[in-house]
Amino acid sequence: MLATAIIVFREVLEAALIIGIVLAATQGLARRGVWVSAGIMTGVAGAGLVAWFADAISPALAGAGQEVFNAGIMFFAVVMLGWHNVWMKRHGREMAQHMRDMGQAVKLGSRSMLMLAMVIGLAVLREGSEVVLFLFGIAVAQQDSFGLMLSGGLLGLLSGAMMGLLMYRGLVHISSRYLFTVTTWMITLLAAGMAAQAAGFLEQADLLPPLVQSLWDSSGIVAQNSILGRVLQTLIGYADHPSGIQVLFYTVTLVGIAVFMRLYGSAPSSKKVQPVNAIET
């Protein structure tokens, strides 16, 4: 039971933190609950398919199928997160000015939520598939009865969801004046961390060189497998002994998103909207 609870808690926590950040970043957008729910349900359905084809995925690509699958999911999520940040920087002010026109607000908000709903679906898919594979291993080893596994799973699910809720409540209490800036940086760090983890998976599959095996070892301060370590890994891409290729992917993603936001984040002058006060007069 304890092993099941820990596994489910760890994976649900990672997905819940991502969902919490997305919810905080989309304050005020129309129908965000529908989009988030759709992303979660799509991810759960995808995890079910992964469970169904688990016997084919794991041994694929010379036994590296699961690593390549996880890396592909994470790289796609990185693209979606980066795209969202650039898009929101470009259209955020326009959305705020059009909040009086609900039709325009819904249209713009839906575009943003589509990207983040995909990220949620991918996060739930990856974490859900890992839960399924881990629990399958426990069941095969017959370490727990079905009843104990069910109890442990529910305990882990509720605990992980509660931690994600606390993260969300903490973010929404930030002044709206700074919330967009905070969530933008959180999403950027989240994307960079995902890129580093994806590089780590490809390194494990011998598809990328490590460059340097371990740049540092901070496991004595915060172990990556601890609860705090997993939270930091999700939020900022923390690793207690990262390889050179992971640090390279992290840095390139971080800098790349910042550069694209600066180059393409400014709204074109032809699309600038008159201030609300001017419209009212």
Protein backbone atom coordinates (compact mmCIF):
# COMPACT_ATOMS: atom_id res chain seq x y z
CA MET A 1 0.00 0.00 0.00
CA LEU A 2 2.74 2.46 0.94
CA ALA A 3 4.65 1.88 -2.30
CA THR A 4 1.48 2.45 -4.33
CA ALA A 5 0.59 5.61 -2.39
CA ILE A 6 4.06 7.09 -2.86
CA ILE A 7 4.16 6.34 -6.58
CA VAL A 8 0.69 7.76 -7.25
CA PHE A 9 1.32 10.79 -5.01
CA ARG A 10 4.60 11.59 -6.78
CA GLU A 11 3.16 11.39 -10.29
CA VAL A 12 -0.15 13.11 -9.45
CA LEU A 13 1.78 15.89 -7.70
CA GLU A 14 3.81 16.63 -10.83
CA ALA A 15 0.69 16.79 -13.02
CA ALA A 16 -1.22 18.80 -10.38
CA LEU A 17 1.54 21.42 -10.15
CA ILE A 18 1.42 21.93 -13.91
CA ILE A 19 -2.38 22.19 -13.85
CA GLY A 20 -2.17 24.70 -10.98
CA ILE A 21 0.24 26.91 -12.93
CA VAL A 22 -1.98 26.76 -16.01
CA LEU A 23 -5.09 27.68 -14.00
CA ALA A 24 -3.28 30.63 -12.41
CA ALA A 25 -1.93 31.78 -15.79
CA THR A 26 -5.41 31.77 -17.33
CA GLN A 27 -7.28 33.80 -14.71
CA GLY A 28 -10.15 35.61 -16.44
CA LEU A 29 -10.14 33.57 -19.65
CA ALA A 30 -13.52 32.32 -20.74
CA ARG A 31 -14.41 28.62 -20.33
CA ARG A 32 -10.99 27.73 -18.96
CA GLY A 33 -12.61 25.05 -16.78
CA VAL A 34 -13.91 23.30 -19.90
CA TRP A 35 -10.49 23.41 -21.57
CA VAL A 36 -8.64 22.21 -18.46
CA SER A 37 -11.15 19.39 -17.94
CA ALA A 38 -10.81 18.39 -21.59
CA GLY A 39 -7.03 18.31 -21.24
CA ILE A 40 -7.22 16.14 -18.12
CA MET A 41 -9.70 13.69 -19.64
CA THR A 42 -7.68 13.45 -22.85
CA GLY A 43 -4.55 12.73 -20.83
CA VAL A 44 -6.31 10.05 -18.77
CA ALA A 45 -7.63 8.42 -21.94
CA GLY A 46 -4.15 8.53 -23.45
CA ALA A 47 -2.66 6.95 -20.32
CA GLY A 48 -5.20 4.16 -20.67
CA LEU A 49 -4.04 3.53 -24.24
CA VAL A 50 -0.42 3.50 -23.09
CA ALA A 51 -1.36 0.91 -20.47
CA TRP A 52 -3.05 -1.18 -23.17
CA PHE A 53 0.03 -1.09 -25.39
CA ALA A 54 2.61 -1.14 -22.58
CA ASP A 55 3.95 -4.53 -23.70
CA ALA A 56 4.75 -3.06 -27.12
CA ILE A 57 6.06 0.37 -26.07
CA SER A 58 8.68 -0.64 -23.50
CA PRO A 59 10.69 -3.09 -25.62
CA ALA A 60 10.52 -0.92 -28.77
CA LEU A 61 13.65 0.77 -30.14
CA ALA A 62 15.99 -1.79 -28.61
CA GLY A 63 14.35 -1.54 -25.19
CA ALA A 64 14.31 2.28 -25.09
CA GLY A 65 10.70 2.73 -26.20
CA GLN A 66 9.46 4.20 -22.91
CA GLU A 67 12.32 6.72 -22.73
CA VAL A 68 11.78 7.88 -26.31
CA PHE A 69 8.01 8.06 -25.75
CA ASN A 70 8.47 10.22 -22.62
CA ALA A 71 11.00 12.46 -24.37
CA GLY A 72 8.66 13.00 -27.32
CA ILE A 73 5.79 13.99 -25.04
CA MET A 74 7.97 16.42 -23.10
CA PHE A 75 9.49 18.06 -26.17
CA PHE A 76 6.01 18.64 -27.60
CA ALA A 77 4.92 20.17 -24.28
CA VAL A 78 7.98 22.45 -24.35
CA VAL A 79 6.93 23.75 -27.78
CA MET A 80 3.37 24.37 -26.58
CA LEU A 81 4.53 26.20 -23.43
CA GLY A 82 6.96 28.37 -25.36
CA TRP A 83 4.33 29.14 -27.98
CA HIS A 84 1.88 30.12 -25.25
CA ASN A 85 4.31 32.59 -23.67
CA VAL A 86 5.09 34.25 -27.01
CA TRP A 87 1.40 34.34 -27.97
CA MET A 88 0.29 35.79 -24.62
CA LYS A 89 2.97 38.50 -24.72
CA ARG A 90 1.77 39.42 -28.18
CA HIS A 91 -1.96 39.35 -27.48
CA GLY A 92 -2.26 39.79 -23.70
CA ARG A 93 -2.86 43.54 -23.80
CA GLU A 94 -5.27 43.13 -26.70
CA MET A 95 -7.22 40.56 -24.68
CA ALA A 96 -7.42 42.87 -21.67
CA GLN A 97 -8.69 45.74 -23.81
CA HIS A 98 -11.31 43.54 -25.43
CA MET A 99 -12.73 42.12 -22.20
CA ARG A 100 -15.78 44.34 -22.68
CA ASP A 101 -16.40 42.59 -26.00
CA MET A 102 -17.03 39.05 -24.78
CA GLY A 103 -17.10 37.56 -28.27
CA GLN A 104 -13.57 38.76 -28.97
CA ALA A 105 -12.42 37.75 -25.48
CA VAL A 106 -13.77 34.24 -25.91
CA LYS A 107 -12.09 33.88 -29.31
CA LEU A 108 -8.69 35.08 -28.08
CA GLY A 109 -8.97 33.18 -24.81
CA SER A 110 -9.82 29.95 -26.61
CA ARG A 111 -6.66 30.19 -28.69
CA SER A 112 -4.53 30.50 -25.59
CA MET A 113 -6.36 27.75 -23.70
CA LEU A 114 -6.03 25.33 -26.61
CA MET A 115 -2.25 25.42 -26.23
CA LEU A 116 -2.35 24.96 -22.47
CA ALA A 117 -5.06 22.29 -22.60
CA MET A 118 -2.68 20.31 -24.81
CA VAL A 119 0.09 20.78 -22.23
CA ILE A 120 -2.23 19.52 -19.48
CA GLY A 121 -3.22 16.53 -21.58
CA LEU A 122 0.43 15.69 -22.24
CA ALA A 123 1.35 16.07 -18.56
CA VAL A 124 -1.50 13.81 -17.43
CA LEU A 125 -0.65 11.35 -20.22
CA ARG A 126 3.00 11.09 -19.18
CA GLU A 127 2.41 10.91 -15.44
CA GLY A 128 -0.60 8.62 -15.86
CA SER A 129 1.31 6.23 -18.09
CA GLU A 130 4.13 6.08 -15.54
CA VAL A 131 1.63 5.33 -12.75
CA VAL A 132 0.13 2.52 -14.83
CA LEU A 133 3.52 0.98 -15.61
CA PHE A 134 4.76 1.25 -12.02
CA LEU A 135 1.57 -0.22 -10.57
CA PHE A 136 1.66 -2.98 -13.17
CA GLY A 137 5.11 -3.90 -11.87
CA ILE A 138 3.87 -3.95 -8.27
CA ALA A 139 0.91 -6.12 -9.24
CA VAL A 140 3.11 -8.59 -11.13
CA ALA A 141 5.45 -8.84 -8.15
CA GLN A 142 2.33 -9.40 -5.99
CA GLN A 143 3.65 -7.00 -3.35
CA ASP A 144 0.13 -5.79 -2.46
CA SER A 145 -3.41 -7.09 -2.75
CA PHE A 146 -5.88 -5.29 -5.01
CA GLY A 147 -7.60 -3.69 -2.00
CA LEU A 148 -4.35 -2.31 -0.59
CA MET A 149 -3.27 -1.01 -4.01
CA LEU A 150 -6.64 0.71 -4.45
CA SER A 151 -6.42 2.32 -0.99
CA GLY A 152 -2.84 3.44 -1.60
CA GLY A 153 -3.75 4.80 -5.02
CA LEU A 154 -6.64 6.86 -3.67
CA LEU A 155 -4.48 8.19 -0.84
CA GLY A 156 -1.74 9.20 -3.28
CA LEU A 157 -4.27 10.77 -5.67
CA LEU A 158 -5.93 12.90 -2.99
CA SER A 159 -2.60 13.96 -1.44
CA GLY A 160 -1.10 14.95 -4.81
CA ALA A 161 -4.24 16.85 -5.84
CA MET A 162 -4.26 18.71 -2.50
CA MET A 163 -0.66 19.84 -2.99
CA GLY A 164 -1.54 21.10 -6.47
CA LEU A 165 -4.53 22.97 -5.06
CA LEU A 166 -2.34 24.66 -2.46
CA MET A 167 0.05 25.77 -5.21
CA TYR A 168 -2.84 27.22 -7.21
CA ARG A 169 -4.32 29.05 -4.21
CA GLY A 170 -0.92 30.53 -3.46
CA LEU A 171 -0.53 31.82 -7.01
CA VAL A 172 -3.97 33.41 -7.29
CA HIS A 173 -3.31 35.43 -4.14
CA ILE A 174 -0.53 37.24 -5.98
CA SER A 175 -1.62 40.71 -7.05
CA SER A 176 -3.09 40.66 -10.56
CA ARG A 177 -0.58 43.36 -11.37
CA TYR A 178 2.24 40.82 -11.10
CA LEU A 179 0.45 37.52 -11.75
CA PHE A 180 1.10 37.50 -15.50
CA THR A 181 4.82 38.14 -15.00
CA VAL A 182 5.12 35.45 -12.33
CA THR A 183 3.24 32.80 -14.31
CA THR A 184 5.15 33.67 -17.50
CA TRP A 185 8.44 32.99 -15.75
CA MET A 186 7.05 29.84 -14.12
CA ILE A 187 5.94 28.51 -17.49
CA THR A 188 9.34 29.36 -19.00
CA LEU A 189 11.16 27.50 -16.20
CA LEU A 190 8.67 24.63 -16.50
CA ALA A 191 9.44 24.35 -20.23
CA ALA A 192 13.20 24.49 -19.65
CA GLY A 193 12.94 21.77 -17.01
CA MET A 194 10.90 19.58 -19.34
CA ALA A 195 13.50 20.02 -22.09
CA ALA A 196 16.26 18.98 -19.69
CA GLN A 197 14.28 15.92 -18.55
CA ALA A 198 13.57 14.97 -22.17
CA ALA A 199 17.30 15.21 -22.93
CA GLY A 200 17.91 12.96 -19.91
CA PHE A 201 15.52 10.34 -21.30
CA LEU A 202 17.27 10.39 -24.68
CA GLU A 203 20.60 10.14 -22.91
CA GLN A 204 19.35 7.04 -21.08
CA ALA A 205 18.33 5.61 -24.46
CA ASP A 206 21.87 6.28 -25.81
CA LEU A 207 20.44 8.66 -28.41
CA LEU A 208 22.24 11.72 -26.98
CA PRO A 209 25.74 11.95 -25.50
CA PRO A 210 25.98 13.10 -21.86
CA LEU A 211 28.80 15.57 -22.77
CA VAL A 212 29.72 15.61 -19.09
CA GLN A 213 28.46 12.76 -16.95
CA SER A 214 27.66 14.88 -13.88
CA LEU A 215 28.30 18.62 -13.61
CA TRP A 216 27.56 18.70 -9.89
CA ASP A 217 26.03 16.62 -7.11
CA SER A 218 23.62 18.39 -4.78
CA SER A 219 21.88 15.22 -3.57
CA GLY A 220 23.29 15.84 -0.10
CA ILE A 221 21.30 19.09 0.06
CA VAL A 222 18.09 18.14 -1.78
CA ALA A 223 17.70 14.63 -3.18
CA GLN A 224 15.93 14.58 -6.53
CA ASN A 225 13.74 11.65 -5.46
CA SER A 226 12.54 13.41 -2.30
CA ILE A 227 9.18 15.22 -2.26
CA LEU A 228 10.89 18.62 -2.28
CA GLY A 229 13.20 17.43 -5.05
CA ARG A 230 10.30 16.29 -7.21
CA VAL A 231 8.47 19.58 -6.67
CA LEU A 232 11.57 21.55 -7.65
CA GLN A 233 12.13 19.25 -10.62
CA THR A 234 8.63 20.01 -11.90
CA LEU A 235 8.71 23.75 -11.21
CA ILE A 236 12.26 24.70 -12.21
CA GLY A 237 13.79 21.54 -13.68
CA TYR A 238 15.93 20.74 -10.65
CA ALA A 239 18.32 17.78 -10.92
CA ASP A 240 20.75 16.79 -8.18
CA HIS A 241 23.40 15.51 -10.61
CA PRO A 242 22.59 16.79 -14.12
CA SER A 243 24.62 15.82 -17.15
CA GLY A 244 26.10 18.36 -19.52
CA ILE A 245 23.47 17.66 -22.19
CA GLN A 246 20.65 18.33 -19.71
CA VAL A 247 22.12 21.68 -18.68
CA LEU A 248 22.65 22.56 -22.36
CA PHE A 249 19.01 21.81 -23.27
CA TYR A 250 17.81 23.69 -20.19
CA THR A 251 19.84 26.79 -21.04
CA VAL A 252 18.98 26.78 -24.76
CA THR A 253 15.25 26.45 -24.00
CA LEU A 254 15.33 29.19 -21.36
CA VAL A 255 17.22 31.62 -23.58
CA GLY A 256 15.28 30.59 -26.69
CA ILE A 257 11.86 31.33 -25.19
CA ALA A 258 13.09 34.67 -23.80
CA VAL A 259 14.50 35.67 -27.19
CA PHE A 260 11.35 34.66 -29.08
CA MET A 261 9.20 36.58 -26.59
CA ARG A 262 11.32 39.66 -27.17
CA LEU A 263 11.44 39.34 -30.97
CA TYR A 264 7.88 38.21 -31.70
CA GLY A 265 6.00 39.14 -28.53
CA SER A 266 5.27 42.75 -29.50
CA ALA A 267 1.84 43.34 -30.98
CA PRO A 268 1.98 44.67 -34.56
CA SER A 269 1.08 48.34 -34.80
CA SER A 270 -1.74 47.60 -37.23
CA LYS A 271 -3.49 45.50 -34.59
CA LYS A 272 -3.11 47.86 -31.67
CA VAL A 273 -6.42 48.74 -30.11
CA GLN A 274 -7.54 52.12 -28.89
CA PRO A 275 -7.60 52.54 -25.11
CA VAL A 276 -10.91 51.75 -23.49
CA ASN A 277 -11.37 55.40 -22.39
CA ALA A 278 -11.01 56.55 -25.98
CA ILE A 279 -13.59 54.05 -27.16
CA GLU A 280 -16.06 55.12 -24.50
CA THR A 281 -15.83 58.75 -25.55
